[in-house]
Amino acid sequence: ELRSGQPGVAFQVLLDAARRTGDEALFRRVVDIALQARA
């Protein structure tokens, strides 16, 4: 979704995954996606 230009959808999907796993690298990735989208 991120590669297809849908950062909002990618954010929601990956944030859910980060919450499920508690993986810090994944949380870091989600924050970075939002920042790159200026959100």
Full PDB file with SEQRES, HELIX, SHEET, SSBOND, CRYST1, ORIGX, SCALE, CONECT and MASTER records, all heavy atoms in Angstrom:
SEQRES   1 A   39  GLU LEU ARG SER GLY GLN PRO GLY VAL ALA PHE GLN VAL          
SEQRES   2 A   39  LEU LEU ASP ALA ALA ARG ARG THR GLY ASP GLU ALA LEU          
SEQRES   3 A   39  PHE ARG ARG VAL VAL ASP ILE ALA LEU GLN ALA ARG ALA          
HELIX    1 AA1 PRO A    7  THR A   21  1                                  15    
HELIX    2 AA2 GLU A   24  GLN A   36  1                                  13    
CRYST1    1.000    1.000    1.000  90.00  90.00  90.00 P 1           1          
ORIGX1      1.000000  0.000000  0.000000        0.00000                         
ORIGX2      0.000000  1.000000  0.000000        0.00000                         
ORIGX3      0.000000  0.000000  1.000000        0.00000                         
SCALE1      1.000000  0.000000  0.000000        0.00000                         
SCALE2      0.000000  1.000000  0.000000        0.00000                         
SCALE3      0.000000  0.000000  1.000000        0.00000                         
ATOM      1  N   GLU A   1       0.838  -1.208   0.000  1.00  0.00           N  
ATOM      2  CA  GLU A   1       0.000   0.000   0.000  1.00  0.00           C  
ATOM      3  C   GLU A   1       0.878   1.265   0.000  1.00  0.00           C  
ATOM      4  O   GLU A   1       0.561   2.236  -0.674  1.00  0.00           O  
ATOM      5  CB  GLU A   1      -0.915  -0.001   1.237  1.00  0.00           C  
ATOM      6  CG  GLU A   1      -1.999  -1.057   1.223  1.00  0.00           C  
ATOM      7  CD  GLU A   1      -3.094  -0.766   0.191  1.00  0.00           C  
ATOM      8  OE1 GLU A   1      -3.071   0.322  -0.420  1.00  0.00           O  
ATOM      9  OE2 GLU A   1      -3.957  -1.643  -0.013  1.00  0.00           O  
ATOM     10  N   LEU A   2       1.965   1.201   0.750  1.00  0.00           N  
ATOM     11  CA  LEU A   2       2.868   2.356   0.790  1.00  0.00           C  
ATOM     12  C   LEU A   2       3.491   2.596  -0.572  1.00  0.00           C  
ATOM     13  O   LEU A   2       3.541   3.728  -1.056  1.00  0.00           O  
ATOM     14  CB  LEU A   2       3.950   2.122   1.845  1.00  0.00           C  
ATOM     15  CG  LEU A   2       4.937   3.277   2.058  1.00  0.00           C  
ATOM     16  CD1 LEU A   2       4.207   4.514   2.581  1.00  0.00           C  
ATOM     17  CD2 LEU A   2       6.032   2.865   3.034  1.00  0.00           C  
ATOM     18  N   ARG A   3       3.931   1.517  -1.222  1.00  0.00           N  
ATOM     19  CA  ARG A   3       4.564   1.656  -2.531  1.00  0.00           C  
ATOM     20  C   ARG A   3       3.571   2.110  -3.595  1.00  0.00           C  
ATOM     21  O   ARG A   3       3.949   2.725  -4.592  1.00  0.00           O  
ATOM     22  CB  ARG A   3       5.202   0.334  -2.948  1.00  0.00           C  
ATOM     23  CG  ARG A   3       6.460  -0.019  -2.157  1.00  0.00           C  
ATOM     24  CD  ARG A   3       6.994  -1.393  -2.535  1.00  0.00           C  
ATOM     25  NE  ARG A   3       8.175  -1.722  -1.768  1.00  0.00           N  
ATOM     26  CZ  ARG A   3       9.423  -1.396  -2.110  1.00  0.00           C  
ATOM     27  NH1 ARG A   3       9.627  -0.717  -3.238  1.00  0.00           N  
ATOM     28  NH2 ARG A   3      10.446  -1.731  -1.353  1.00  0.00           N  
ATOM     29  N   SER A   4       2.301   1.814  -3.398  1.00  0.00           N  
ATOM     30  CA  SER A   4       1.290   2.218  -4.384  1.00  0.00           C  
ATOM     31  C   SER A   4       0.756   3.623  -4.112  1.00  0.00           C  
ATOM     32  O   SER A   4      -0.216   4.046  -4.722  1.00  0.00           O  
ATOM     33  CB  SER A   4       0.139   1.214  -4.396  1.00  0.00           C  
ATOM     34  OG  SER A   4      -0.545   1.227  -3.142  1.00  0.00           O  
ATOM     35  N   GLY A   5       1.381   4.319  -3.174  1.00  0.00           N  
ATOM     36  CA  GLY A   5       0.984   5.708  -2.918  1.00  0.00           C  
ATOM     37  C   GLY A   5      -0.166   5.860  -1.963  1.00  0.00           C  
ATOM     38  O   GLY A   5      -0.896   6.866  -2.026  1.00  0.00           O  
ATOM     39  N   GLN A   6      -0.367   4.891  -1.071  1.00  0.00           N  
ATOM     40  CA  GLN A   6      -1.441   4.955  -0.091  1.00  0.00           C  
ATOM     41  C   GLN A   6      -0.848   4.927   1.319  1.00  0.00           C  
ATOM     42  O   GLN A   6      -1.020   3.946   2.079  1.00  0.00           O  
ATOM     43  CB  GLN A   6      -2.399   3.775  -0.279  1.00  0.00           C  
ATOM     44  CG  GLN A   6      -3.086   3.713  -1.616  1.00  0.00           C  
ATOM     45  CD  GLN A   6      -4.048   4.880  -1.795  1.00  0.00           C  
ATOM     46  OE1 GLN A   6      -4.652   5.338  -0.836  1.00  0.00           O  
ATOM     47  NE2 GLN A   6      -4.170   5.366  -3.030  1.00  0.00           N  
ATOM     48  N   PRO A   7      -0.123   6.002   1.732  1.00  0.00           N  
ATOM     49  CA  PRO A   7       0.536   5.983   3.042  1.00  0.00           C  
ATOM     50  C   PRO A   7      -0.447   5.892   4.199  1.00  0.00           C  
ATOM     51  O   PRO A   7      -0.127   5.326   5.247  1.00  0.00           O  
ATOM     52  CB  PRO A   7       1.312   7.297   3.068  1.00  0.00           C  
ATOM     53  CG  PRO A   7       0.615   8.189   2.092  1.00  0.00           C  
ATOM     54  CD  PRO A   7       0.117   7.276   1.018  1.00  0.00           C  
ATOM     55  N   GLY A   8      -1.656   6.453   4.038  1.00  0.00           N  
ATOM     56  CA  GLY A   8      -2.643   6.397   5.117  1.00  0.00           C  
ATOM     57  C   GLY A   8      -3.058   4.973   5.430  1.00  0.00           C  
ATOM     58  O   GLY A   8      -3.143   4.557   6.596  1.00  0.00           O  
ATOM     59  N   VAL A   9      -3.307   4.196   4.367  1.00  0.00           N  
ATOM     60  CA  VAL A   9      -3.702   2.800   4.545  1.00  0.00           C  
ATOM     61  C   VAL A   9      -2.536   2.005   5.114  1.00  0.00           C  
ATOM     62  O   VAL A   9      -2.695   1.192   6.037  1.00  0.00           O  
ATOM     63  CB  VAL A   9      -4.166   2.196   3.204  1.00  0.00           C  
ATOM     64  CG1 VAL A   9      -4.491   0.706   3.376  1.00  0.00           C  
ATOM     65  CG2 VAL A   9      -5.372   2.950   2.672  1.00  0.00           C  
ATOM     66  N   ALA A  10      -1.345   2.244   4.552  1.00  0.00           N  
ATOM     67  CA  ALA A  10      -0.147   1.549   5.037  1.00  0.00           C  
ATOM     68  C   ALA A  10       0.065   1.825   6.523  1.00  0.00           C  
ATOM     69  O   ALA A  10       0.405   0.910   7.296  1.00  0.00           O  
ATOM     70  CB  ALA A  10       1.067   2.004   4.240  1.00  0.00           C  
ATOM     71  N   PHE A  11      -0.141   3.079   6.916  1.00  0.00           N  
ATOM     72  CA  PHE A  11       0.030   3.458   8.318  1.00  0.00           C  
ATOM     73  C   PHE A  11      -0.884   2.642   9.219  1.00  0.00           C  
ATOM     74  O   PHE A  11      -0.448   2.073  10.235  1.00  0.00           O  
ATOM     75  CB  PHE A  11      -0.238   4.954   8.472  1.00  0.00           C  
ATOM     76  CG  PHE A  11      -0.269   5.441   9.895  1.00  0.00           C  
ATOM     77  CD1 PHE A  11       0.904   5.758  10.552  1.00  0.00           C  
ATOM     78  CD2 PHE A  11      -1.474   5.567  10.580  1.00  0.00           C  
ATOM     79  CE1 PHE A  11       0.872   6.194  11.875  1.00  0.00           C  
ATOM     80  CE2 PHE A  11      -1.512   5.993  11.898  1.00  0.00           C  
ATOM     81  CZ  PHE A  11      -0.327   6.320  12.544  1.00  0.00           C  
ATOM     82  N   GLN A  12      -2.161   2.564   8.863  1.00  0.00           N  
ATOM     83  CA  GLN A  12      -3.131   1.853   9.701  1.00  0.00           C  
ATOM     84  C   GLN A  12      -2.805   0.357   9.780  1.00  0.00           C  
ATOM     85  O   GLN A  12      -2.852  -0.244  10.865  1.00  0.00           O  
ATOM     86  CB  GLN A  12      -4.546   2.048   9.143  1.00  0.00           C  
ATOM     87  CG  GLN A  12      -5.062   3.473   9.224  1.00  0.00           C  
ATOM     88  CD  GLN A  12      -5.251   3.944  10.652  1.00  0.00           C  
ATOM     89  OE1 GLN A  12      -5.332   3.145  11.586  1.00  0.00           O  
ATOM     90  NE2 GLN A  12      -5.302   5.255  10.838  1.00  0.00           N  
ATOM     91  N   VAL A  13      -2.449  -0.249   8.638  1.00  0.00           N  
ATOM     92  CA  VAL A  13      -2.167  -1.687   8.606  1.00  0.00           C  
ATOM     93  C   VAL A  13      -0.935  -2.012   9.443  1.00  0.00           C  
ATOM     94  O   VAL A  13      -0.927  -2.933  10.262  1.00  0.00           O  
ATOM     95  CB  VAL A  13      -1.970  -2.154   7.145  1.00  0.00           C  
ATOM     96  CG1 VAL A  13      -1.444  -3.588   7.106  1.00  0.00           C  
ATOM     97  CG2 VAL A  13      -3.282  -2.052   6.375  1.00  0.00           C  
ATOM     98  N   LEU A  14       0.132  -1.210   9.253  1.00  0.00           N  
ATOM     99  CA  LEU A  14       1.384  -1.497   9.952  1.00  0.00           C  
ATOM    100  C   LEU A  14       1.309  -1.127  11.430  1.00  0.00           C  
ATOM    101  O   LEU A  14       1.957  -1.774  12.269  1.00  0.00           O  
ATOM    102  CB  LEU A  14       2.541  -0.759   9.266  1.00  0.00           C  
ATOM    103  CG  LEU A  14       2.856  -1.243   7.845  1.00  0.00           C  
ATOM    104  CD1 LEU A  14       3.942  -0.382   7.212  1.00  0.00           C  
ATOM    105  CD2 LEU A  14       3.277  -2.715   7.845  1.00  0.00           C  
ATOM    106  N   LEU A  15       0.530  -0.091  11.758  1.00  0.00           N  
ATOM    107  CA  LEU A  15       0.370   0.258  13.166  1.00  0.00           C  
ATOM    108  C   LEU A  15      -0.342  -0.870  13.914  1.00  0.00           C  
ATOM    109  O   LEU A  15       0.024  -1.212  15.048  1.00  0.00           O  
ATOM    110  CB  LEU A  15      -0.401   1.571  13.314  1.00  0.00           C  
ATOM    111  CG  LEU A  15      -0.696   2.021  14.752  1.00  0.00           C  
ATOM    112  CD1 LEU A  15       0.595   2.180  15.556  1.00  0.00           C  
ATOM    113  CD2 LEU A  15      -1.493   3.332  14.761  1.00  0.00           C  
ATOM    114  N   ASP A  16      -1.340  -1.462  13.267  1.00  0.00           N  
ATOM    115  CA  ASP A  16      -2.035  -2.595  13.889  1.00  0.00           C  
ATOM    116  C   ASP A  16      -1.064  -3.757  14.118  1.00  0.00           C  
ATOM    117  O   ASP A  16      -1.074  -4.399  15.179  1.00  0.00           O  
ATOM    118  CB  ASP A  16      -3.194  -3.037  12.997  1.00  0.00           C  
ATOM    119  CG  ASP A  16      -3.944  -4.222  13.590  1.00  0.00           C  
ATOM    120  OD1 ASP A  16      -4.597  -4.042  14.636  1.00  0.00           O  
ATOM    121  OD2 ASP A  16      -3.850  -5.317  13.011  1.00  0.00           O  
ATOM    122  N   ALA A  17      -0.208  -3.980  13.134  1.00  0.00           N  
ATOM    123  CA  ALA A  17       0.782  -5.053  13.271  1.00  0.00           C  
ATOM    124  C   ALA A  17       1.760  -4.745  14.400  1.00  0.00           C  
ATOM    125  O   ALA A  17       2.131  -5.635  15.176  1.00  0.00           O  
ATOM    126  CB  ALA A  17       1.529  -5.233  11.947  1.00  0.00           C  
ATOM    127  N   ALA A  18       2.175  -3.481  14.502  1.00  0.00           N  
ATOM    128  CA  ALA A  18       3.108  -3.098  15.567  1.00  0.00           C  
ATOM    129  C   ALA A  18       2.471  -3.289  16.933  1.00  0.00           C  
ATOM    130  O   ALA A  18       3.119  -3.763  17.883  1.00  0.00           O  
ATOM    131  CB  ALA A  18       3.540  -1.647  15.369  1.00  0.00           C  
ATOM    132  N   ARG A  19       1.203  -2.931  17.055  1.00  0.00           N  
ATOM    133  CA  ARG A  19       0.518  -3.099  18.340  1.00  0.00           C  
ATOM    134  C   ARG A  19       0.423  -4.578  18.710  1.00  0.00           C  
ATOM    135  O   ARG A  19       0.558  -4.964  19.875  1.00  0.00           O  
ATOM    136  CB  ARG A  19      -0.875  -2.475  18.263  1.00  0.00           C  
ATOM    137  CG  ARG A  19      -0.886  -0.958  18.421  1.00  0.00           C  
ATOM    138  CD  ARG A  19      -2.283  -0.423  18.289  1.00  0.00           C  
ATOM    139  NE  ARG A  19      -2.385   0.972  18.713  1.00  0.00           N  
ATOM    140  CZ  ARG A  19      -3.125   1.884  18.112  1.00  0.00           C  
ATOM    141  NH1 ARG A  19      -3.831   1.541  17.028  1.00  0.00           N  
ATOM    142  NH2 ARG A  19      -3.177   3.107  18.567  1.00  0.00           N  
ATOM    143  N   ARG A  20       0.148  -5.427  17.707  1.00  0.00           N  
ATOM    144  CA  ARG A  20       0.000  -6.871  17.960  1.00  0.00           C  
ATOM    145  C   ARG A  20       1.310  -7.496  18.407  1.00  0.00           C  
ATOM    146  O   ARG A  20       1.330  -8.371  19.266  1.00  0.00           O  
ATOM    147  CB  ARG A  20      -0.507  -7.573  16.701  1.00  0.00           C  
ATOM    148  CG  ARG A  20      -1.984  -7.341  16.399  1.00  0.00           C  
ATOM    149  CD  ARG A  20      -2.350  -7.968  15.065  1.00  0.00           C  
ATOM    150  NE  ARG A  20      -1.930  -9.381  15.013  1.00  0.00           N  
ATOM    151  CZ  ARG A  20      -1.756 -10.056  13.884  1.00  0.00           C  
ATOM    152  NH1 ARG A  20      -1.947  -9.461  12.724  1.00  0.00           N  
ATOM    153  NH2 ARG A  20      -1.393 -11.325  13.925  1.00  0.00           N  
ATOM    154  N   THR A  21       2.419  -7.002  17.823  1.00  0.00           N  
ATOM    155  CA  THR A  21       3.703  -7.650  18.092  1.00  0.00           C  
ATOM    156  C   THR A  21       4.530  -6.938  19.156  1.00  0.00           C  
ATOM    157  O   THR A  21       5.391  -7.560  19.787  1.00  0.00           O  
ATOM    158  CB  THR A  21       4.545  -7.689  16.809  1.00  0.00           C  
ATOM    159  OG1 THR A  21       4.808  -6.335  16.376  1.00  0.00           O  
ATOM    160  CG2 THR A  21       3.822  -8.447  15.709  1.00  0.00           C  
ATOM    161  N   GLY A  22       4.300  -5.637  19.338  1.00  0.00           N  
ATOM    162  CA  GLY A  22       5.146  -4.862  20.250  1.00  0.00           C  
ATOM    163  C   GLY A  22       6.563  -4.725  19.731  1.00  0.00           C  
ATOM    164  O   GLY A  22       7.498  -4.476  20.503  1.00  0.00           O  
ATOM    165  N   ASP A  23       6.725  -4.858  18.422  1.00  0.00           N  
ATOM    166  CA  ASP A  23       8.052  -4.794  17.811  1.00  0.00           C  
ATOM    167  C   ASP A  23       8.493  -3.328  17.651  1.00  0.00           C  
ATOM    168  O   ASP A  23       7.827  -2.554  16.959  1.00  0.00           O  
ATOM    169  CB  ASP A  23       8.026  -5.488  16.447  1.00  0.00           C  
ATOM    170  CG  ASP A  23       9.399  -5.590  15.828  1.00  0.00           C  
ATOM    171  OD1 ASP A  23       9.860  -4.580  15.267  1.00  0.00           O  
ATOM    172  OD2 ASP A  23      10.024  -6.663  15.931  1.00  0.00           O  
ATOM    173  N   GLU A  24       9.615  -2.950  18.277  1.00  0.00           N  
ATOM    174  CA  GLU A  24      10.057  -1.548  18.248  1.00  0.00           C  
ATOM    175  C   GLU A  24      10.471  -1.097  16.848  1.00  0.00           C  
ATOM    176  O   GLU A  24      10.236   0.039  16.464  1.00  0.00           O  
ATOM    177  CB  GLU A  24      11.209  -1.329  19.233  1.00  0.00           C  
ATOM    178  CG  GLU A  24      10.777  -1.480  20.684  1.00  0.00           C  
ATOM    179  CD  GLU A  24      11.685  -0.699  21.613  1.00  0.00           C  
ATOM    180  OE1 GLU A  24      11.673   0.558  21.556  1.00  0.00           O  
ATOM    181  OE2 GLU A  24      12.404  -1.341  22.382  1.00  0.00           O  
ATOM    182  N   ALA A  25      11.098  -1.995  16.096  1.00  0.00           N  
ATOM    183  CA  ALA A  25      11.498  -1.630  14.732  1.00  0.00           C  
ATOM    184  C   ALA A  25      10.265  -1.314  13.884  1.00  0.00           C  
ATOM    185  O   ALA A  25      10.284  -0.401  13.048  1.00  0.00           O  
ATOM    186  CB  ALA A  25      12.299  -2.775  14.106  1.00  0.00           C  
ATOM    187  N   LEU A  26       9.184  -2.055  14.122  1.00  0.00           N  
ATOM    188  CA  LEU A  26       7.953  -1.825  13.368  1.00  0.00           C  
ATOM    189  C   LEU A  26       7.299  -0.505  13.789  1.00  0.00           C  
ATOM    190  O   LEU A  26       6.805   0.253  12.946  1.00  0.00           O  
ATOM    191  CB  LEU A  26       7.005  -3.000  13.589  1.00  0.00           C  
ATOM    192  CG  LEU A  26       5.833  -3.145  12.604  1.00  0.00           C  
ATOM    193  CD1 LEU A  26       6.289  -3.030  11.175  1.00  0.00           C  
ATOM    194  CD2 LEU A  26       5.136  -4.493  12.851  1.00  0.00           C  
ATOM    195  N   PHE A  27       7.297  -0.209  15.093  1.00  0.00           N  
ATOM    196  CA  PHE A  27       6.788   1.095  15.542  1.00  0.00           C  
ATOM    197  C   PHE A  27       7.611   2.236  14.916  1.00  0.00           C  
ATOM    198  O   PHE A  27       7.063   3.246  14.496  1.00  0.00           O  
ATOM    199  CB  PHE A  27       6.848   1.189  17.068  1.00  0.00           C  
ATOM    200  CG  PHE A  27       5.653   0.613  17.756  1.00  0.00           C  
ATOM    201  CD1 PHE A  27       5.767  -0.486  18.604  1.00  0.00           C  
ATOM    202  CD2 PHE A  27       4.393   1.173  17.573  1.00  0.00           C  
ATOM    203  CE1 PHE A  27       4.661  -1.009  19.255  1.00  0.00           C  
ATOM    204  CE2 PHE A  27       3.275   0.651  18.216  1.00  0.00           C  
ATOM    205  CZ  PHE A  27       3.410  -0.449  19.060  1.00  0.00           C  
ATOM    206  N   ARG A  28       8.904   2.035  14.890  1.00  0.00           N  
ATOM    207  CA  ARG A  28       9.791   3.051  14.315  1.00  0.00           C  
ATOM    208  C   ARG A  28       9.436   3.295  12.845  1.00  0.00           C  
ATOM    209  O   ARG A  28       9.399   4.419  12.373  1.00  0.00           O  
ATOM    210  CB  ARG A  28      11.234   2.585  14.464  1.00  0.00           C  
ATOM    211  CG  ARG A  28      12.276   3.674  14.299  1.00  0.00           C  
ATOM    212  CD  ARG A  28      13.676   3.113  14.516  1.00  0.00           C  
ATOM    213  NE  ARG A  28      13.850   2.581  15.858  1.00  0.00           N  
ATOM    214  CZ  ARG A  28      14.117   1.304  16.129  1.00  0.00           C  
ATOM    215  NH1 ARG A  28      14.222   0.417  15.147  1.00  0.00           N  
ATOM    216  NH2 ARG A  28      14.273   0.909  17.382  1.00  0.00           N  
ATOM    217  N   ARG A  29       9.152   2.182  12.145  1.00  0.00           N  
ATOM    218  CA  ARG A  29       8.784   2.270  10.733  1.00  0.00           C  
ATOM    219  C   ARG A  29       7.465   3.024  10.557  1.00  0.00           C  
ATOM    220  O   ARG A  29       7.319   3.852   9.664  1.00  0.00           O  
ATOM    221  CB  ARG A  29       8.657   0.841  10.165  1.00  0.00           C  
ATOM    222  CG  ARG A  29       8.134   0.731   8.746  1.00  0.00           C  
ATOM    223  CD  ARG A  29       9.089   1.291   7.755  1.00  0.00           C  
ATOM    224  NE  ARG A  29       8.675   0.988   6.389  1.00  0.00           N  
ATOM    225  CZ  ARG A  29       8.938   1.775   5.357  1.00  0.00           C  
ATOM    226  NH1 ARG A  29       9.620   2.906   5.528  1.00  0.00           N  
ATOM    227  NH2 ARG A  29       8.546   1.441   4.142  1.00  0.00           N  
ATOM    228  N   VAL A  30       6.502   2.761  11.405  1.00  0.00           N  
ATOM    229  CA  VAL A  30       5.187   3.414  11.303  1.00  0.00           C  
ATOM    230  C   VAL A  30       5.319   4.920  11.550  1.00  0.00           C  
ATOM    231  O   VAL A  30       4.729   5.738  10.830  1.00  0.00           O  
ATOM    232  CB  VAL A  30       4.193   2.788  12.301  1.00  0.00           C  
ATOM    233  CG1 VAL A  30       2.868   3.532  12.262  1.00  0.00           C  
ATOM    234  CG2 VAL A  30       3.978   1.321  11.968  1.00  0.00           C  
ATOM    235  N   VAL A  31       6.077   5.300  12.567  1.00  0.00           N  
ATOM    236  CA  VAL A  31       6.292   6.729  12.840  1.00  0.00           C  
ATOM    237  C   VAL A  31       6.955   7.394  11.647  1.00  0.00           C  
ATOM    238  O   VAL A  31       6.573   8.499  11.231  1.00  0.00           O  
ATOM    239  CB  VAL A  31       7.151   6.918  14.113  1.00  0.00           C  
ATOM    240  CG1 VAL A  31       7.550   8.394  14.273  1.00  0.00           C  
ATOM    241  CG2 VAL A  31       6.406   6.444  15.344  1.00  0.00           C  
ATOM    242  N   ASP A  32       7.925   6.705  11.046  1.00  0.00           N  
ATOM    243  CA  ASP A  32       8.637   7.262   9.899  1.00  0.00           C  
ATOM    244  C   ASP A  32       7.702   7.453   8.712  1.00  0.00           C  
ATOM    245  O   ASP A  32       7.774   8.464   8.003  1.00  0.00           O  
ATOM    246  CB  ASP A  32       9.802   6.335   9.526  1.00  0.00           C  
ATOM    247  CG  ASP A  32      10.662   6.938   8.432  1.00  0.00           C  
ATOM    248  OD1 ASP A  32      11.152   8.063   8.626  1.00  0.00           O  
ATOM    249  OD2 ASP A  32      10.847   6.283   7.382  1.00  0.00           O  
ATOM    250  N   ILE A  33       6.808   6.509   8.488  1.00  0.00           N  
ATOM    251  CA  ILE A  33       5.831   6.637   7.392  1.00  0.00           C  
ATOM    252  C   ILE A  33       4.976   7.891   7.594  1.00  0.00           C  
ATOM    253  O   ILE A  33       4.740   8.675   6.663  1.00  0.00           O  
ATOM    254  CB  ILE A  33       4.946   5.375   7.299  1.00  0.00           C  
ATOM    255  CG1 ILE A  33       5.767   4.194   6.771  1.00  0.00           C  
ATOM    256  CG2 ILE A  33       3.724   5.622   6.412  1.00  0.00           C  
ATOM    257  CD1 ILE A  33       5.047   2.854   6.866  1.00  0.00           C  
ATOM    258  N   ALA A  34       4.494   8.093   8.806  1.00  0.00           N  
ATOM    259  CA  ALA A  34       3.653   9.264   9.084  1.00  0.00           C  
ATOM    260  C   ALA A  34       4.432  10.564   8.904  1.00  0.00           C  
ATOM    261  O   ALA A  34       3.923  11.543   8.340  1.00  0.00           O  
ATOM    262  CB  ALA A  34       3.100   9.172  10.504  1.00  0.00           C  
ATOM    263  N   LEU A  35       5.674  10.576   9.354  1.00  0.00           N  
ATOM    264  CA  LEU A  35       6.483  11.797   9.231  1.00  0.00           C  
ATOM    265  C   LEU A  35       6.772  12.113   7.768  1.00  0.00           C  
ATOM    266  O   LEU A  35       6.724  13.279   7.355  1.00  0.00           O  
ATOM    267  CB  LEU A  35       7.779  11.651  10.015  1.00  0.00           C  
ATOM    268  CG  LEU A  35       7.638  11.651  11.536  1.00  0.00           C  
ATOM    269  CD1 LEU A  35       8.980  11.376  12.203  1.00  0.00           C  
ATOM    270  CD2 LEU A  35       7.076  12.988  12.027  1.00  0.00           C  
ATOM    271  N   GLN A  36       7.072  11.070   6.979  1.00  0.00           N  
ATOM    272  CA  GLN A  36       7.330  11.308   5.560  1.00  0.00           C  
ATOM    273  C   GLN A  36       6.084  11.815   4.843  1.00  0.00           C  
ATOM    274  O   GLN A  36       6.185  12.560   3.867  1.00  0.00           O  
ATOM    275  CB  GLN A  36       7.837  10.025   4.904  1.00  0.00           C  
ATOM    276  CG  GLN A  36       9.266   9.663   5.314  1.00  0.00           C  
ATOM    277  CD  GLN A  36       9.808   8.494   4.532  1.00  0.00           C  
ATOM    278  OE1 GLN A  36       9.279   8.132   3.492  1.00  0.00           O  
ATOM    279  NE2 GLN A  36      10.877   7.904   5.041  1.00  0.00           N  
ATOM    280  N   ALA A  37       4.923  11.423   5.340  1.00  0.00           N  
ATOM    281  CA  ALA A  37       3.657  11.903   4.765  1.00  0.00           C  
ATOM    282  C   ALA A  37       3.235  13.246   5.364  1.00  0.00           C  
ATOM    283  O   ALA A  37       2.152  13.738   5.078  1.00  0.00           O  
ATOM    284  CB  ALA A  37       2.569  10.865   4.990  1.00  0.00           C  
ATOM    285  N   ARG A  38       4.108  13.814   6.219  1.00  0.00           N  
ATOM    286  CA  ARG A  38       3.819  15.084   6.900  1.00  0.00           C  
ATOM    287  C   ARG A  38       2.528  15.006   7.722  1.00  0.00           C  
ATOM    288  O   ARG A  38       1.746  15.960   7.779  1.00  0.00           O  
ATOM    289  CB  ARG A  38       3.746  16.248   5.900  1.00  0.00           C  
ATOM    290  CG  ARG A  38       5.044  16.461   5.135  1.00  0.00           C  
ATOM    291  CD  ARG A  38       4.941  17.640   4.183  1.00  0.00           C  
ATOM    292  NE  ARG A  38       6.157  17.804   3.422  1.00  0.00           N  
ATOM    293  CZ  ARG A  38       7.241  18.475   3.829  1.00  0.00           C  
ATOM    294  NH1 ARG A  38       7.238  19.032   5.026  1.00  0.00           N  
ATOM    295  NH2 ARG A  38       8.306  18.584   3.058  1.00  0.00           N  
ATOM    296  N   ALA A  39       2.307  13.865   8.306  1.00  0.00           N  
ATOM    297  CA  ALA A  39       1.114  13.643   9.128  1.00  0.00           C  
ATOM    298  C   ALA A  39       1.552  13.590  10.591  1.00  0.00           C  
ATOM    299  O   ALA A  39       1.732  12.504  11.167  1.00  0.00           O  
ATOM    300  CB  ALA A  39       0.407  12.363   8.706  1.00  0.00           C  
TER     301      ALA A  39                                                      
MASTER        0    0    0    2    0    0    0    6  300    1    0    3          
END                                                                             
